[in-house]
């Protein structure tokens, strides 16, 4: 049996993407045009091989359609104060129902992200409204990162991390 390759995400990157950072996801619409949406939370599997992002089904309808069509998926995680940014890409994304605890995870994410943005002049109520997703509209997209890129502005932007190609 062949050895499993090491996960592309290290422990610190896993904590970062599951934290109170800006989360944007994308898939491909017909004709190769992008479909974009905000995500409202993230879980990383204990072995760091799978990433699950939480999205609103209505808000992310075009992204969900793209994932169901071709399973290609990208997610960008960015910390506004530092501009630290990671981009993950996957080729095996699937749309799944939200799990028990995901609505609470989305609530905690909104509160945490609002706290990050408040010192920058963004009232928490606006962030909560902007990222509001009814619990019954919450779905997830799970994927295996096939590549991870450093996208923090500067000389290392665009560099692959780990075993990414």
N, C-alpha and C. Protein backbone atom coordinates (compact mmCIF):
# COMPACT_ATOMS: atom_id res chain seq x y z
N UNK A 1 0.85 -1.17 0.00
CA UNK A 1 0.00 0.00 0.00
C UNK A 1 0.90 1.24 0.00
N UNK A 2 0.69 2.18 -0.94
CA UNK A 2 1.55 3.36 -1.00
C UNK A 2 1.31 4.27 0.20
N UNK A 3 2.38 4.96 0.59
CA UNK A 3 2.26 5.92 1.68
C UNK A 3 1.42 7.10 1.24
N UNK A 4 0.62 7.60 2.17
CA UNK A 4 -0.16 8.81 1.90
C UNK A 4 0.78 10.00 1.92
N UNK A 5 0.65 10.92 0.96
CA UNK A 5 1.48 12.11 1.03
C UNK A 5 1.11 12.94 2.25
N UNK A 6 2.06 13.71 2.72
CA UNK A 6 1.79 14.58 3.86
C UNK A 6 0.75 15.62 3.47
N UNK A 7 -0.06 16.06 4.43
CA UNK A 7 -1.03 17.11 4.10
C UNK A 7 -0.30 18.40 3.73
N UNK A 8 -0.91 19.18 2.86
CA UNK A 8 -0.30 20.43 2.43
C UNK A 8 -0.40 21.52 3.49
N UNK A 9 -1.36 21.39 4.38
CA UNK A 9 -1.52 22.38 5.45
C UNK A 9 -0.76 21.95 6.69
N UNK A 10 0.04 22.85 7.24
CA UNK A 10 0.66 22.57 8.52
C UNK A 10 -0.32 23.00 9.63
N UNK A 11 0.04 22.72 10.86
CA UNK A 11 -0.86 23.02 11.98
C UNK A 11 -1.17 24.51 12.08
N UNK A 12 -0.16 25.36 11.91
CA UNK A 12 -0.37 26.81 12.02
C UNK A 12 -1.29 27.32 10.92
N UNK A 13 -1.13 26.83 9.71
CA UNK A 13 -2.00 27.25 8.60
C UNK A 13 -3.43 26.78 8.83
N UNK A 14 -3.58 25.59 9.41
CA UNK A 14 -4.92 25.07 9.71
C UNK A 14 -5.63 25.95 10.72
N UNK A 15 -4.92 26.38 11.75
CA UNK A 15 -5.50 27.27 12.75
C UNK A 15 -5.85 28.61 12.10
N UNK A 16 -4.96 29.11 11.26
CA UNK A 16 -5.19 30.40 10.59
C UNK A 16 -6.47 30.38 9.76
N UNK A 17 -6.64 29.38 8.89
CA UNK A 17 -7.81 29.40 7.99
C UNK A 17 -9.11 29.13 8.72
N UNK A 18 -9.05 28.51 9.89
CA UNK A 18 -10.26 28.27 10.67
C UNK A 18 -10.56 29.41 11.63
N UNK A 19 -9.76 30.45 11.58
CA UNK A 19 -9.90 31.56 12.51
C UNK A 19 -10.74 32.70 11.97
N UNK A 20 -10.69 33.84 12.64
CA UNK A 20 -11.50 35.01 12.25
C UNK A 20 -10.84 35.81 11.13
N UNK A 21 -10.80 35.21 9.95
CA UNK A 21 -10.19 35.83 8.77
C UNK A 21 -11.25 35.98 7.68
N UNK A 22 -10.98 36.83 6.72
CA UNK A 22 -11.87 36.97 5.58
C UNK A 22 -11.82 35.67 4.78
N UNK A 23 -12.99 35.13 4.44
CA UNK A 23 -13.07 33.86 3.71
C UNK A 23 -13.88 34.07 2.44
N UNK A 24 -13.22 33.86 1.30
CA UNK A 24 -13.88 33.96 0.00
C UNK A 24 -13.65 32.67 -0.75
N UNK A 25 -14.69 32.20 -1.43
CA UNK A 25 -14.61 30.94 -2.17
C UNK A 25 -15.02 31.15 -3.61
N UNK A 26 -14.54 30.26 -4.47
CA UNK A 26 -14.83 30.40 -5.89
C UNK A 26 -14.92 29.04 -6.56
N UNK A 27 -15.69 29.02 -7.62
CA UNK A 27 -15.80 27.86 -8.51
C UNK A 27 -15.97 28.43 -9.91
N UNK A 28 -16.13 27.55 -10.87
CA UNK A 28 -16.22 27.98 -12.26
C UNK A 28 -17.64 27.85 -12.79
N UNK A 29 -18.13 28.94 -13.39
CA UNK A 29 -19.42 28.92 -14.07
C UNK A 29 -19.21 28.45 -15.51
N UNK A 30 -20.28 28.16 -16.23
CA UNK A 30 -20.13 27.81 -17.64
C UNK A 30 -19.34 28.89 -18.39
N UNK A 31 -18.51 28.44 -19.31
CA UNK A 31 -17.69 29.37 -20.07
C UNK A 31 -16.41 29.74 -19.35
N UNK A 32 -16.18 29.15 -18.18
CA UNK A 32 -14.97 29.43 -17.43
C UNK A 32 -15.01 30.69 -16.60
N UNK A 33 -16.17 31.32 -16.51
CA UNK A 33 -16.29 32.54 -15.72
C UNK A 33 -16.35 32.19 -14.23
N UNK A 34 -15.77 33.03 -13.38
CA UNK A 34 -15.76 32.71 -11.95
C UNK A 34 -17.09 32.97 -11.27
N UNK A 35 -17.37 32.17 -10.29
CA UNK A 35 -18.48 32.39 -9.36
C UNK A 35 -17.83 32.58 -8.00
N UNK A 36 -18.19 33.64 -7.30
CA UNK A 36 -17.56 33.99 -6.03
C UNK A 36 -18.59 34.13 -4.92
N UNK A 37 -18.17 33.84 -3.71
CA UNK A 37 -19.04 34.05 -2.55
C UNK A 37 -18.18 34.17 -1.30
N UNK A 38 -18.76 34.74 -0.29
CA UNK A 38 -18.14 34.75 1.03
C UNK A 38 -18.44 33.43 1.70
N UNK A 39 -17.53 32.97 2.53
CA UNK A 39 -17.78 31.82 3.39
C UNK A 39 -17.97 32.36 4.81
N UNK A 40 -18.63 31.57 5.64
CA UNK A 40 -18.95 32.02 7.00
C UNK A 40 -18.42 31.06 8.06
N UNK A 41 -17.34 30.39 7.75
CA UNK A 41 -16.71 29.50 8.71
C UNK A 41 -15.91 28.44 7.99
N UNK A 42 -15.03 27.79 8.74
CA UNK A 42 -14.16 26.78 8.16
C UNK A 42 -13.79 25.75 9.22
N UNK A 43 -13.77 24.49 8.79
CA UNK A 43 -13.29 23.39 9.63
C UNK A 43 -12.17 22.69 8.87
N UNK A 44 -11.15 22.26 9.58
CA UNK A 44 -10.06 21.48 9.00
C UNK A 44 -10.07 20.12 9.69
N UNK A 45 -9.99 19.04 8.90
CA UNK A 45 -10.01 17.70 9.49
C UNK A 45 -8.80 17.51 10.40
N UNK A 46 -8.91 16.58 11.32
CA UNK A 46 -7.84 16.37 12.30
C UNK A 46 -6.53 15.96 11.64
N UNK A 47 -6.60 15.30 10.48
CA UNK A 47 -5.37 14.93 9.77
C UNK A 47 -4.91 16.02 8.80
N UNK A 48 -5.64 17.13 8.74
CA UNK A 48 -5.35 18.31 7.91
C UNK A 48 -5.40 18.01 6.41
N UNK A 49 -6.04 16.94 6.01
CA UNK A 49 -6.13 16.60 4.58
C UNK A 49 -7.39 17.17 3.92
N UNK A 50 -8.40 17.51 4.72
CA UNK A 50 -9.65 18.01 4.17
C UNK A 50 -10.03 19.32 4.83
N UNK A 51 -10.54 20.22 4.02
CA UNK A 51 -11.02 21.51 4.49
C UNK A 51 -12.50 21.59 4.16
N UNK A 52 -13.29 22.06 5.10
CA UNK A 52 -14.72 22.24 4.90
C UNK A 52 -15.06 23.70 5.19
N UNK A 53 -15.64 24.37 4.20
CA UNK A 53 -16.06 25.75 4.40
C UNK A 53 -17.57 25.80 4.46
N UNK A 54 -18.08 26.73 5.26
CA UNK A 54 -19.51 26.92 5.43
C UNK A 54 -19.95 28.09 4.56
N UNK A 55 -21.03 27.89 3.82
CA UNK A 55 -21.58 28.94 2.97
C UNK A 55 -23.10 28.93 3.07
N UNK A 56 -23.70 30.05 2.71
CA UNK A 56 -25.15 30.11 2.59
C UNK A 56 -25.54 29.60 1.21
N UNK A 57 -26.49 28.67 1.15
CA UNK A 57 -26.88 28.09 -0.13
C UNK A 57 -27.38 29.15 -1.10
N UNK A 58 -28.17 30.09 -0.62
CA UNK A 58 -28.68 31.14 -1.51
C UNK A 58 -27.56 32.08 -1.95
N UNK A 59 -26.74 32.51 -0.99
CA UNK A 59 -25.66 33.45 -1.27
C UNK A 59 -24.61 32.83 -2.20
N UNK A 60 -24.36 31.55 -2.09
CA UNK A 60 -23.30 30.88 -2.85
C UNK A 60 -23.86 29.96 -3.93
N UNK A 61 -25.06 30.24 -4.42
CA UNK A 61 -25.72 29.34 -5.37
C UNK A 61 -24.86 29.04 -6.59
N UNK A 62 -24.23 30.06 -7.17
CA UNK A 62 -23.41 29.83 -8.37
C UNK A 62 -22.14 29.04 -8.04
N UNK A 63 -21.57 29.27 -6.87
CA UNK A 63 -20.40 28.49 -6.46
C UNK A 63 -20.81 27.03 -6.29
N UNK A 64 -21.91 26.79 -5.62
CA UNK A 64 -22.39 25.43 -5.40
C UNK A 64 -22.66 24.73 -6.74
N UNK A 65 -23.28 25.44 -7.66
CA UNK A 65 -23.54 24.87 -8.99
C UNK A 65 -22.22 24.49 -9.67
N UNK A 66 -21.23 25.36 -9.58
CA UNK A 66 -19.93 25.07 -10.18
C UNK A 66 -19.26 23.86 -9.55
N UNK A 67 -19.32 23.75 -8.24
CA UNK A 67 -18.73 22.60 -7.55
C UNK A 67 -19.43 21.33 -8.00
N UNK A 68 -20.73 21.36 -8.08
CA UNK A 68 -21.48 20.15 -8.49
C UNK A 68 -21.18 19.78 -9.94
N UNK A 69 -20.84 20.76 -10.75
CA UNK A 69 -20.56 20.50 -12.16
C UNK A 69 -19.17 19.90 -12.37
N UNK A 70 -18.14 20.46 -11.70
CA UNK A 70 -16.79 19.97 -12.03
C UNK A 70 -15.87 19.75 -10.84
N UNK A 71 -16.31 20.00 -9.62
CA UNK A 71 -15.56 19.73 -8.38
C UNK A 71 -14.33 20.59 -8.18
N UNK A 72 -14.05 21.53 -9.08
CA UNK A 72 -12.92 22.44 -8.89
C UNK A 72 -13.35 23.56 -7.93
N UNK A 73 -12.44 23.94 -7.04
CA UNK A 73 -12.81 24.87 -5.98
C UNK A 73 -11.58 25.61 -5.51
N UNK A 74 -11.77 26.86 -5.12
CA UNK A 74 -10.68 27.65 -4.54
C UNK A 74 -11.23 28.41 -3.34
N UNK A 75 -10.38 28.61 -2.36
CA UNK A 75 -10.74 29.38 -1.18
C UNK A 75 -9.56 30.26 -0.80
N UNK A 76 -9.88 31.50 -0.43
CA UNK A 76 -8.85 32.46 -0.03
C UNK A 76 -9.17 32.91 1.39
N UNK A 77 -8.17 32.88 2.24
CA UNK A 77 -8.29 33.24 3.64
C UNK A 77 -7.32 34.38 3.91
N UNK A 78 -7.84 35.51 4.37
CA UNK A 78 -6.99 36.69 4.53
C UNK A 78 -7.27 37.39 5.86
N UNK A 79 -6.21 37.75 6.55
CA UNK A 79 -6.30 38.48 7.81
C UNK A 79 -6.20 39.98 7.51
N UNK A 80 -7.29 40.74 7.65
CA UNK A 80 -7.24 42.16 7.28
C UNK A 80 -6.15 42.98 7.97
N UNK A 81 -5.90 42.84 9.28
CA UNK A 81 -4.87 43.69 9.88
C UNK A 81 -3.46 43.46 9.33
N UNK A 82 -3.11 42.20 9.07
CA UNK A 82 -1.75 41.88 8.63
C UNK A 82 -1.64 41.66 7.12
N UNK A 83 -2.76 41.45 6.47
CA UNK A 83 -2.83 41.11 5.05
C UNK A 83 -2.30 39.70 4.76
N UNK A 84 -1.98 38.93 5.80
CA UNK A 84 -1.55 37.55 5.57
C UNK A 84 -2.68 36.84 4.84
N UNK A 85 -2.32 36.15 3.76
CA UNK A 85 -3.33 35.53 2.90
C UNK A 85 -2.83 34.18 2.41
N UNK A 86 -3.71 33.18 2.48
CA UNK A 86 -3.45 31.87 1.91
C UNK A 86 -4.55 31.55 0.91
N UNK A 87 -4.16 30.94 -0.20
CA UNK A 87 -5.12 30.48 -1.21
C UNK A 87 -4.99 28.97 -1.31
N UNK A 88 -6.12 28.28 -1.23
CA UNK A 88 -6.16 26.83 -1.36
C UNK A 88 -6.97 26.48 -2.59
N UNK A 89 -6.51 25.48 -3.32
CA UNK A 89 -7.25 24.99 -4.47
C UNK A 89 -7.46 23.50 -4.32
N UNK A 90 -8.59 23.03 -4.83
CA UNK A 90 -8.90 21.62 -4.79
C UNK A 90 -9.61 21.17 -6.05
N UNK A 91 -9.56 19.87 -6.31
CA UNK A 91 -10.15 19.30 -7.52
C UNK A 91 -11.26 18.30 -7.21
N UNK A 92 -11.55 18.12 -5.92
CA UNK A 92 -12.51 17.08 -5.52
C UNK A 92 -13.61 17.60 -4.61
N UNK A 93 -13.97 18.86 -4.75
CA UNK A 93 -14.94 19.47 -3.85
C UNK A 93 -16.32 18.83 -3.98
N UNK A 94 -16.99 18.71 -2.85
CA UNK A 94 -18.37 18.23 -2.83
C UNK A 94 -19.18 19.11 -1.89
N UNK A 95 -20.44 19.25 -2.23
CA UNK A 95 -21.37 20.02 -1.41
C UNK A 95 -22.07 19.05 -0.47
N UNK A 96 -22.09 19.38 0.81
CA UNK A 96 -22.69 18.52 1.82
C UNK A 96 -23.61 19.35 2.72
N UNK A 97 -24.57 18.70 3.36
CA UNK A 97 -25.40 19.42 4.33
C UNK A 97 -24.54 19.88 5.51
N UNK A 98 -24.99 20.92 6.16
CA UNK A 98 -24.32 21.36 7.38
C UNK A 98 -24.46 20.27 8.44
N UNK A 99 -23.46 20.18 9.29
CA UNK A 99 -23.47 19.22 10.39
C UNK A 99 -23.92 19.90 11.68
N UNK A 100 -24.25 19.07 12.65
CA UNK A 100 -24.57 19.61 13.98
C UNK A 100 -23.39 20.45 14.44
N UNK A 101 -23.65 21.60 14.93
CA UNK A 101 -22.59 22.48 15.40
C UNK A 101 -22.13 23.50 14.38
N UNK A 102 -22.49 23.32 13.11
CA UNK A 102 -22.03 24.27 12.08
C UNK A 102 -22.68 25.64 12.22
N UNK A 103 -23.94 25.70 12.62
CA UNK A 103 -24.58 27.01 12.82
C UNK A 103 -23.87 27.76 13.94
N UNK A 104 -23.51 27.06 15.01
CA UNK A 104 -22.76 27.70 16.11
C UNK A 104 -21.37 28.12 15.64
N UNK A 105 -20.74 27.31 14.78
CA UNK A 105 -19.44 27.67 14.23
C UNK A 105 -19.55 28.95 13.39
N UNK A 106 -20.60 29.05 12.57
CA UNK A 106 -20.81 30.26 11.77
C UNK A 106 -21.05 31.47 12.66
N UNK A 107 -21.83 31.30 13.72
CA UNK A 107 -22.07 32.41 14.66
C UNK A 107 -20.76 32.87 15.31
N UNK A 108 -19.94 31.90 15.73
CA UNK A 108 -18.66 32.24 16.37
C UNK A 108 -17.73 32.92 15.37
N UNK A 109 -17.75 32.44 14.12
CA UNK A 109 -16.92 33.07 13.09
C UNK A 109 -17.33 34.53 12.90
N UNK A 110 -18.63 34.77 12.75
CA UNK A 110 -19.11 36.15 12.55
C UNK A 110 -18.68 37.05 13.70
N UNK A 111 -18.84 36.57 14.92
CA UNK A 111 -18.45 37.37 16.09
C UNK A 111 -16.95 37.64 16.10
N UNK A 112 -16.16 36.62 15.80
CA UNK A 112 -14.71 36.78 15.78
C UNK A 112 -14.24 37.71 14.69
N UNK A 113 -14.82 37.57 13.49
CA UNK A 113 -14.41 38.43 12.38
C UNK A 113 -14.86 39.87 12.62
N UNK A 114 -16.03 40.04 13.20
CA UNK A 114 -16.49 41.40 13.54
C UNK A 114 -15.54 42.05 14.54
N UNK A 115 -15.04 41.27 15.49
CA UNK A 115 -14.10 41.81 16.48
C UNK A 115 -12.78 42.22 15.82
N UNK A 116 -12.36 41.49 14.79
CA UNK A 116 -11.15 41.85 14.05
C UNK A 116 -11.34 43.16 13.29
N UNK A 117 -12.52 43.34 12.71
CA UNK A 117 -12.77 44.51 11.87
C UNK A 117 -13.18 45.76 12.65
N UNK A 118 -13.70 45.58 13.86
CA UNK A 118 -14.18 46.74 14.62
C UNK A 118 -13.10 47.82 14.82
N UNK A 119 -11.86 47.47 15.17
CA UNK A 119 -10.84 48.52 15.34
C UNK A 119 -10.52 49.27 14.03
N UNK A 120 -10.94 48.71 12.91
CA UNK A 120 -10.72 49.35 11.62
C UNK A 120 -11.89 50.25 11.24
N UNK A 121 -12.86 50.38 12.15
CA UNK A 121 -13.98 51.28 11.91
C UNK A 121 -15.25 50.63 11.40
N UNK A 122 -15.30 49.30 11.37
CA UNK A 122 -16.49 48.60 10.90
C UNK A 122 -17.34 48.18 12.10
N UNK A 123 -18.53 48.74 12.24
CA UNK A 123 -19.38 48.36 13.37
C UNK A 123 -19.74 46.87 13.31
N UNK A 124 -19.66 46.16 14.43
CA UNK A 124 -19.98 44.74 14.44
C UNK A 124 -21.35 44.42 13.85
N UNK A 125 -22.35 45.27 14.09
CA UNK A 125 -23.69 44.99 13.56
C UNK A 125 -23.68 44.90 12.04
N UNK A 126 -22.87 45.71 11.40
CA UNK A 126 -22.80 45.66 9.93
C UNK A 126 -22.16 44.36 9.47
N UNK A 127 -21.10 43.93 10.13
CA UNK A 127 -20.43 42.68 9.77
C UNK A 127 -21.36 41.50 10.00
N UNK A 128 -22.07 41.50 11.13
CA UNK A 128 -23.02 40.42 11.40
C UNK A 128 -24.09 40.36 10.32
N UNK A 129 -24.61 41.51 9.92
CA UNK A 129 -25.64 41.54 8.87
C UNK A 129 -25.08 41.10 7.53
N UNK A 130 -23.88 41.55 7.20
CA UNK A 130 -23.25 41.23 5.92
C UNK A 130 -22.99 39.73 5.79
N UNK A 131 -22.67 39.08 6.89
CA UNK A 131 -22.34 37.65 6.87
C UNK A 131 -23.46 36.77 7.40
N UNK A 132 -24.65 37.32 7.55
CA UNK A 132 -25.77 36.55 8.09
C UNK A 132 -26.20 35.45 7.12
N UNK A 133 -26.34 34.25 7.66
CA UNK A 133 -26.86 33.11 6.90
C UNK A 133 -27.81 32.37 7.84
N UNK A 134 -29.08 32.24 7.45
CA UNK A 134 -30.00 31.48 8.30
C UNK A 134 -29.51 30.04 8.47
N UNK A 135 -29.67 29.48 9.64
CA UNK A 135 -29.18 28.13 9.92
C UNK A 135 -29.71 27.11 8.92
N UNK A 136 -30.96 27.28 8.47
CA UNK A 136 -31.53 26.31 7.53
C UNK A 136 -31.04 26.51 6.10
N UNK A 137 -30.23 27.54 5.85
CA UNK A 137 -29.66 27.80 4.52
C UNK A 137 -28.17 27.42 4.48
N UNK A 138 -27.62 27.01 5.60
CA UNK A 138 -26.20 26.71 5.70
C UNK A 138 -25.88 25.37 5.06
N UNK A 139 -24.89 25.34 4.18
CA UNK A 139 -24.36 24.10 3.59
C UNK A 139 -22.84 24.18 3.68
N UNK A 140 -22.19 23.08 3.35
CA UNK A 140 -20.73 23.06 3.40
C UNK A 140 -20.17 22.60 2.06
N UNK A 141 -18.94 23.00 1.82
CA UNK A 141 -18.17 22.50 0.68
C UNK A 141 -16.89 21.90 1.27
N UNK A 142 -16.71 20.60 1.04
CA UNK A 142 -15.51 19.92 1.54
C UNK A 142 -14.59 19.60 0.37
N UNK A 143 -13.29 19.82 0.57
CA UNK A 143 -12.33 19.52 -0.49
C UNK A 143 -10.98 19.15 0.11
N UNK A 144 -10.18 18.50 -0.70
CA UNK A 144 -8.81 18.17 -0.35
C UNK A 144 -7.91 19.20 -1.02
N UNK A 145 -7.17 19.99 -0.27
CA UNK A 145 -6.28 20.95 -0.93
C UNK A 145 -5.26 20.22 -1.81
N UNK A 146 -5.25 20.56 -3.09
CA UNK A 146 -4.26 20.00 -4.01
C UNK A 146 -3.12 20.98 -4.22
N UNK A 147 -3.36 22.24 -3.86
CA UNK A 147 -2.30 23.24 -3.87
C UNK A 147 -2.65 24.33 -2.87
N UNK A 148 -1.61 24.88 -2.27
CA UNK A 148 -1.75 25.95 -1.28
C UNK A 148 -0.71 27.00 -1.63
N UNK A 149 -1.16 28.25 -1.70
CA UNK A 149 -0.26 29.33 -2.10
C UNK A 149 -0.23 30.43 -1.06
N UNK A 150 0.94 30.97 -0.84
CA UNK A 150 1.13 32.17 -0.05
C UNK A 150 0.68 33.34 -0.93
N UNK A 151 -0.28 34.12 -0.48
CA UNK A 151 -0.74 35.25 -1.29
C UNK A 151 -0.63 36.57 -0.54
N UNK A 152 0.11 36.56 0.57
CA UNK A 152 0.35 37.81 1.30
C UNK A 152 1.11 38.75 0.38
N UNK A 153 0.68 40.00 0.26
CA UNK A 153 1.41 40.93 -0.61
C UNK A 153 2.89 40.98 -0.22
N UNK A 154 3.74 40.98 -1.23
CA UNK A 154 5.18 41.04 -0.99
C UNK A 154 5.93 40.09 -1.89
N UNK A 155 7.21 39.91 -1.63
CA UNK A 155 8.06 39.14 -2.54
C UNK A 155 7.73 37.66 -2.61
N UNK A 156 6.99 37.12 -1.64
CA UNK A 156 6.67 35.69 -1.65
C UNK A 156 5.25 35.40 -2.13
N UNK A 157 4.53 36.42 -2.53
CA UNK A 157 3.16 36.22 -3.03
C UNK A 157 3.19 35.28 -4.23
N UNK A 158 2.29 34.32 -4.22
CA UNK A 158 2.19 33.37 -5.32
C UNK A 158 3.04 32.13 -5.14
N UNK A 159 3.86 32.10 -4.11
CA UNK A 159 4.70 30.93 -3.90
C UNK A 159 3.88 29.78 -3.32
N UNK A 160 4.10 28.57 -3.84
CA UNK A 160 3.40 27.42 -3.27
C UNK A 160 3.96 27.07 -1.90
N UNK A 161 3.08 26.54 -1.06
CA UNK A 161 3.49 26.07 0.27
C UNK A 161 3.49 24.55 0.27
N UNK A 162 4.26 23.96 1.13
CA UNK A 162 4.28 22.51 1.28
C UNK A 162 4.64 21.83 -0.02
N UNK A 163 3.92 20.77 -0.34
CA UNK A 163 4.17 20.01 -1.55
C UNK A 163 3.36 20.49 -2.73
N UNK A 164 2.86 21.72 -2.67
CA UNK A 164 2.04 22.25 -3.76
C UNK A 164 2.86 22.40 -5.02
N UNK A 165 2.17 22.25 -6.13
CA UNK A 165 2.85 22.45 -7.42
C UNK A 165 2.19 23.56 -8.20
